[in-house]
Amino acid sequence: MNRVFYGDIHGCSDELKQLYREIEKEYPGIEHWHLGDLVDRGPDSGEAVDFCMKHFTGGVLGNHESTILKSWYARQKRKARGEVIKPHPNPDKEQTLSQLDKEKADYLRKLPHLHVFDDEGLIIVHGGLLPNRTLYSQPPELCIRAQLVMADGSNAQNRWWGGDATHQPKVKKTEEESKAEGYVRWYEAYDQQYDCLYGHSVMGLEPYTHQREGYGKTIGLDTGSCFGGFLTAMVYPEMRVFKVQCKEYVEGKNVRNFKGLL
């Protein structure tokens, strides 16, 4: 059966609703699924979450949800103790936190780190997967953040790739330096038979497809929504793509990634 999968929405609620309407015109009643990162950067994370709660069949957890949830639940505990709540030092995160309530936070908290569709031979995940691991032994934290991983899957450490690789807090290495230690882009080592749809990493303005001989395809659907790119969805298994242009809600270093340095 056809289902439609959305790349990173990032609080772009107006564009989300437009894309949903366009798809429903041609595929009325189709199942809608998201690939995580519903929140942050765009203007209305709360509305984006609410819309997915009401109209989507399901989705997976993204790294932005994971980060926000830790702050949101910690804030609720401080409120319960009567403590003064200080604004988050990141204004974008503070905006997102202010737009969530318990119902929305609980919805995000219950999202799985991956989901498998055996009827279509498909896996969805936000970040990526480790090689030489069964699906149900995949480290959740890596599933939501994967970029560079060990080619043999021997550890669960994730490293960043691209122009911002050296900005990660614990490992100040370029992508080339990490590759010299045995790391590869996770999709280069992908070894599942099922196809895999993912988000997390902006690869350009179109879905990014990669396939190792003998294994399923990996297809990235993050096309830079909040950076002035597109919010992209794919009808699978037809592989039909729908896109809407987004406003540029984020400026600064993140835009460098969007403009082709990954």
Protein backbone atom coordinates (compact mmCIF):
# COMPACT_ATOMS: atom_id res chain seq x y z
CA MET A 1 0.00 0.00 0.00
CA ASN A 2 1.10 3.57 -0.56
CA ARG A 3 2.13 5.69 2.41
CA VAL A 4 3.64 9.17 2.38
CA PHE A 5 6.71 10.16 4.41
CA TYR A 6 7.76 13.72 5.28
CA GLY A 7 11.30 14.95 5.82
CA ASP A 8 12.23 17.29 8.68
CA ILE A 9 9.35 19.72 9.34
CA HIS A 10 11.13 21.92 11.93
CA GLY A 11 8.13 23.97 12.99
CA CYS A 12 7.22 25.02 9.45
CA SER A 13 3.52 24.53 10.15
CA ASP A 14 2.14 26.61 7.27
CA GLU A 15 4.22 24.72 4.73
CA LEU A 16 3.30 21.43 6.38
CA LYS A 17 -0.42 22.13 5.98
CA GLN A 18 0.05 23.20 2.36
CA LEU A 19 1.99 20.04 1.52
CA TYR A 20 -0.56 17.86 3.31
CA ARG A 21 -3.41 19.42 1.32
CA GLU A 22 -1.61 18.92 -1.98
CA ILE A 23 -0.97 15.26 -1.25
CA GLU A 24 -4.50 14.60 -0.01
CA LYS A 25 -5.92 15.94 -3.29
CA GLU A 26 -4.18 13.17 -5.21
CA TYR A 27 -4.04 10.48 -2.52
CA PRO A 28 -7.15 10.98 -0.40
CA GLY A 29 -6.98 9.04 2.86
CA ILE A 30 -3.35 7.97 2.45
CA GLU A 31 -1.34 7.31 5.63
CA HIS A 32 0.95 10.23 6.51
CA TRP A 33 4.18 9.56 8.44
CA HIS A 34 6.99 11.87 9.56
CA LEU A 35 10.71 11.20 9.92
CA GLY A 36 11.30 13.27 13.07
CA ASP A 37 12.48 16.80 13.85
CA LEU A 38 9.00 18.27 13.92
CA VAL A 39 10.27 21.03 16.21
CA ASP A 40 12.79 23.89 16.47
CA ARG A 41 14.05 26.54 14.07
CA GLY A 42 10.73 27.22 12.31
CA PRO A 43 8.11 29.55 13.79
CA ASP A 44 5.46 27.20 15.16
CA SER A 45 6.67 23.89 16.54
CA GLY A 46 3.59 23.52 18.72
CA GLU A 47 1.24 23.76 15.75
CA ALA A 48 3.37 21.35 13.72
CA VAL A 49 3.22 18.76 16.50
CA ASP A 50 -0.50 19.31 16.99
CA PHE A 51 -1.16 18.86 13.27
CA CYS A 52 0.79 15.59 13.17
CA MET A 53 -1.01 14.34 16.26
CA LYS A 54 -4.36 14.92 14.54
CA HIS A 55 -3.63 13.95 10.94
CA PHE A 56 -0.64 11.61 10.82
CA THR A 57 -0.60 7.87 11.37
CA GLY A 58 2.83 7.92 13.03
CA GLY A 59 6.49 8.84 12.83
CA VAL A 60 9.88 8.47 14.49
CA LEU A 61 11.84 10.47 17.05
CA GLY A 62 14.32 13.11 15.90
CA ASN A 63 17.32 14.54 17.70
CA HIS A 64 15.56 17.90 18.15
CA GLU A 65 12.63 16.24 19.92
CA SER A 66 15.05 14.33 22.13
CA THR A 67 16.88 17.50 23.15
CA ILE A 68 13.73 19.52 23.72
CA LEU A 69 12.05 16.79 25.76
CA LYS A 70 14.92 16.65 28.24
CA SER A 71 14.58 20.37 28.85
CA TRP A 72 10.77 20.31 28.91
CA TYR A 73 10.43 17.55 31.51
CA ALA A 74 13.24 19.03 33.64
CA ARG A 75 11.37 22.34 33.55
CA GLN A 76 8.16 20.67 34.72
CA LYS A 77 9.97 19.18 37.70
CA ARG A 78 11.36 22.59 38.64
CA LYS A 79 7.89 24.11 38.34
CA ALA A 80 6.47 21.41 40.62
CA ARG A 81 9.08 22.31 43.23
CA GLY A 82 8.13 25.98 42.97
CA GLU A 83 11.47 27.02 41.52
CA VAL A 84 11.98 30.03 39.28
CA ILE A 85 12.21 28.99 35.62
CA LYS A 86 15.01 30.71 33.76
CA PRO A 87 14.66 31.14 29.98
CA HIS A 88 16.64 28.71 27.86
CA PRO A 89 19.90 30.34 26.71
CA ASN A 90 18.99 29.48 23.11
CA PRO A 91 16.01 31.67 22.06
CA ASP A 92 14.95 29.12 19.44
CA LYS A 93 14.78 26.39 22.09
CA GLU A 94 12.90 28.73 24.43
CA GLN A 95 10.32 29.41 21.73
CA THR A 96 9.82 25.68 21.17
CA LEU A 97 9.56 24.93 24.89
CA SER A 98 6.91 27.64 25.28
CA GLN A 99 4.80 26.05 22.51
CA LEU A 100 4.61 22.57 24.05
CA ASP A 101 2.16 21.28 26.61
CA LYS A 102 1.93 17.90 28.33
CA GLU A 103 -0.13 16.30 25.57
CA LYS A 104 2.34 17.33 22.87
CA ALA A 105 5.37 16.39 24.96
CA ASP A 106 3.90 12.97 25.72
CA TYR A 107 3.23 12.40 22.02
CA LEU A 108 6.86 13.19 21.18
CA ARG A 109 8.15 11.08 24.06
CA LYS A 110 6.32 8.00 22.75
CA LEU A 111 7.75 8.20 19.23
CA PRO A 112 9.96 5.17 18.44
CA HIS A 113 13.56 5.55 17.31
CA LEU A 114 12.80 3.48 14.19
CA HIS A 115 9.82 1.83 12.55
CA VAL A 116 9.66 -1.14 10.19
CA PHE A 117 7.07 -1.80 7.48
CA ASP A 118 7.44 -5.47 6.66
CA ASP A 119 4.63 -5.28 4.10
CA GLU A 120 6.70 -2.88 1.98
CA GLY A 121 10.22 -3.88 2.98
CA LEU A 122 10.86 -0.43 4.42
CA ILE A 123 12.55 1.07 7.49
CA ILE A 124 12.13 4.66 8.64
CA VAL A 125 14.57 6.37 11.00
CA HIS A 126 15.57 9.95 11.66
CA GLY A 127 19.36 9.78 11.62
CA GLY A 128 20.64 6.42 10.42
CA LEU A 129 21.66 2.89 11.33
CA LEU A 130 24.78 0.96 12.28
CA PRO A 131 26.04 -1.89 10.09
CA ASN A 132 26.43 -5.42 11.45
CA ARG A 133 23.57 -4.92 13.90
CA THR A 134 20.06 -6.31 13.87
CA LEU A 135 17.36 -3.66 13.67
CA TYR A 136 16.31 -4.31 17.24
CA SER A 137 19.83 -3.93 18.61
CA GLN A 138 20.33 -0.50 17.06
CA PRO A 139 21.39 2.12 19.68
CA PRO A 140 18.47 4.57 19.99
CA GLU A 141 20.71 7.62 20.40
CA LEU A 142 22.59 6.77 17.23
CA CYS A 143 19.35 6.15 15.31
CA ILE A 144 18.33 9.76 15.90
CA ARG A 145 21.74 11.36 15.22
CA ALA A 146 23.82 9.15 12.89
CA GLN A 147 26.10 10.73 10.35
CA LEU A 148 29.59 9.21 10.48
CA VAL A 149 29.80 5.70 12.00
CA MET A 150 32.46 3.00 12.19
CA ALA A 151 32.41 1.04 8.94
CA ASP A 152 32.31 -2.27 10.81
CA GLY A 153 29.74 -1.14 13.38
CA SER A 154 32.17 -1.92 16.20
CA ASN A 155 31.08 1.01 18.35
CA ALA A 156 28.03 3.20 18.67
CA GLN A 157 29.84 6.52 18.52
CA ASN A 158 28.48 9.04 16.06
CA ARG A 159 30.55 11.81 14.50
CA TRP A 160 29.46 14.71 12.36
CA TRP A 161 30.31 15.11 8.71
CA GLY A 162 30.72 18.05 6.37
CA GLY A 163 31.79 21.62 7.00
CA ASP A 164 30.70 21.61 10.67
CA ALA A 165 32.41 18.34 11.61
CA THR A 166 35.00 19.99 13.84
CA HIS A 167 32.33 21.91 15.80
CA GLN A 168 31.11 18.84 17.67
CA PRO A 169 31.90 19.24 21.37
CA LYS A 170 33.94 16.09 22.09
CA VAL A 171 35.65 15.20 18.80
CA LYS A 172 37.38 18.08 17.03
CA LYS A 173 38.09 16.21 13.80
CA THR A 174 37.35 16.87 10.17
CA GLU A 175 35.40 14.31 8.19
CA GLU A 176 38.62 13.27 6.47
CA GLU A 177 40.36 12.70 9.81
CA SER A 178 37.44 10.59 11.03
CA LYS A 179 37.47 8.54 7.84
CA ALA A 180 41.17 7.84 8.34
CA GLU A 181 40.16 6.21 11.66
CA GLY A 182 37.64 3.92 9.97
CA TYR A 183 34.48 6.07 9.99
CA VAL A 184 32.21 6.36 6.95
CA ARG A 185 28.94 8.09 6.18
CA TRP A 186 26.40 5.71 7.67
CA TYR A 187 24.57 5.08 4.38
CA GLU A 188 27.85 3.94 2.78
CA ALA A 189 27.89 1.00 5.21
CA TYR A 190 24.14 0.34 5.20
CA ASP A 191 23.60 -3.43 5.14
CA GLN A 192 19.86 -4.02 5.51
CA GLN A 193 17.82 -5.64 2.75
CA TYR A 194 14.92 -3.22 3.23
CA ASP A 195 14.95 0.31 1.83
CA CYS A 196 15.43 3.04 4.45
CA LEU A 197 13.93 6.55 4.49
CA TYR A 198 15.62 9.07 6.80
CA GLY A 199 15.87 12.78 7.59
CA HIS A 200 18.35 14.70 9.79
CA SER A 201 21.01 15.56 7.20
CA VAL A 202 20.41 18.16 4.50
CA MET A 203 21.84 16.73 1.29
CA GLY A 204 20.45 19.29 -1.15
CA LEU A 205 17.14 20.39 -2.63
CA GLU A 206 16.13 16.91 -3.80
CA PRO A 207 15.87 13.55 -2.01
CA TYR A 208 19.28 11.87 -1.83
CA THR A 209 19.41 8.21 -2.83
CA HIS A 210 22.32 5.84 -2.23
CA GLN A 211 22.51 2.07 -2.70
CA ARG A 212 25.19 -0.48 -2.00
CA GLU A 213 25.16 -3.47 -4.28
CA GLY A 214 23.09 -6.24 -2.74
CA TYR A 215 21.31 -4.05 -0.17
CA GLY A 216 18.31 -1.75 0.05
CA LYS A 217 18.32 1.90 -0.92
CA THR A 218 18.74 4.75 1.57
CA ILE A 219 16.77 7.88 0.73
CA GLY A 220 17.27 11.15 2.60
CA LEU A 221 14.25 13.47 2.66
CA ASP A 222 15.60 16.48 4.58
CA THR A 223 15.81 19.22 1.95
CA GLY A 224 16.37 22.20 4.21
CA SER A 225 12.83 23.28 5.11
CA CYS A 226 13.71 25.83 7.77
CA PHE A 227 16.75 27.08 5.84
CA GLY A 228 14.69 28.37 2.91
CA GLY A 229 14.79 25.05 1.07
CA PHE A 230 11.86 22.70 0.69
CA LEU A 231 9.64 20.60 2.86
CA THR A 232 9.68 17.30 0.97
CA ALA A 233 7.49 14.20 1.17
CA MET A 234 7.72 10.93 -0.73
CA VAL A 235 4.92 8.52 -1.56
CA TYR A 236 6.36 5.04 -1.09
CA PRO A 237 6.64 2.59 -2.84
CA GLU A 238 5.68 4.74 -5.85
CA MET A 239 8.67 6.99 -5.04
CA ARG A 240 6.67 10.05 -6.05
CA VAL A 241 7.98 13.29 -4.56
CA PHE A 242 5.96 16.30 -3.38
CA LYS A 243 7.67 19.55 -2.29
CA VAL A 244 6.75 23.01 -1.10
CA GLN A 245 9.11 25.97 -0.89
CA CYS A 246 9.72 27.20 2.66
CA LYS A 247 10.64 30.58 4.03
CA GLU A 248 14.17 31.01 5.35
CA TYR A 249 13.60 30.89 9.10
CA VAL A 250 17.22 30.22 10.11
CA GLU A 251 20.31 32.21 9.25
CA GLY A 252 23.94 31.73 10.19
CA LYS A 253 26.12 28.63 10.26
CA ASN A 254 23.29 26.17 9.62
CA VAL A 255 22.67 27.78 6.23
CA ARG A 256 26.19 26.84 5.17
CA ASN A 257 25.23 23.19 5.40
CA PHE A 258 22.07 23.80 3.40
CA LYS A 259 24.00 25.54 0.61
CA GLY A 260 25.98 22.46 -0.26
CA LEU A 261 28.88 22.01 2.15
CA LEU A 262 27.68 18.63 3.46
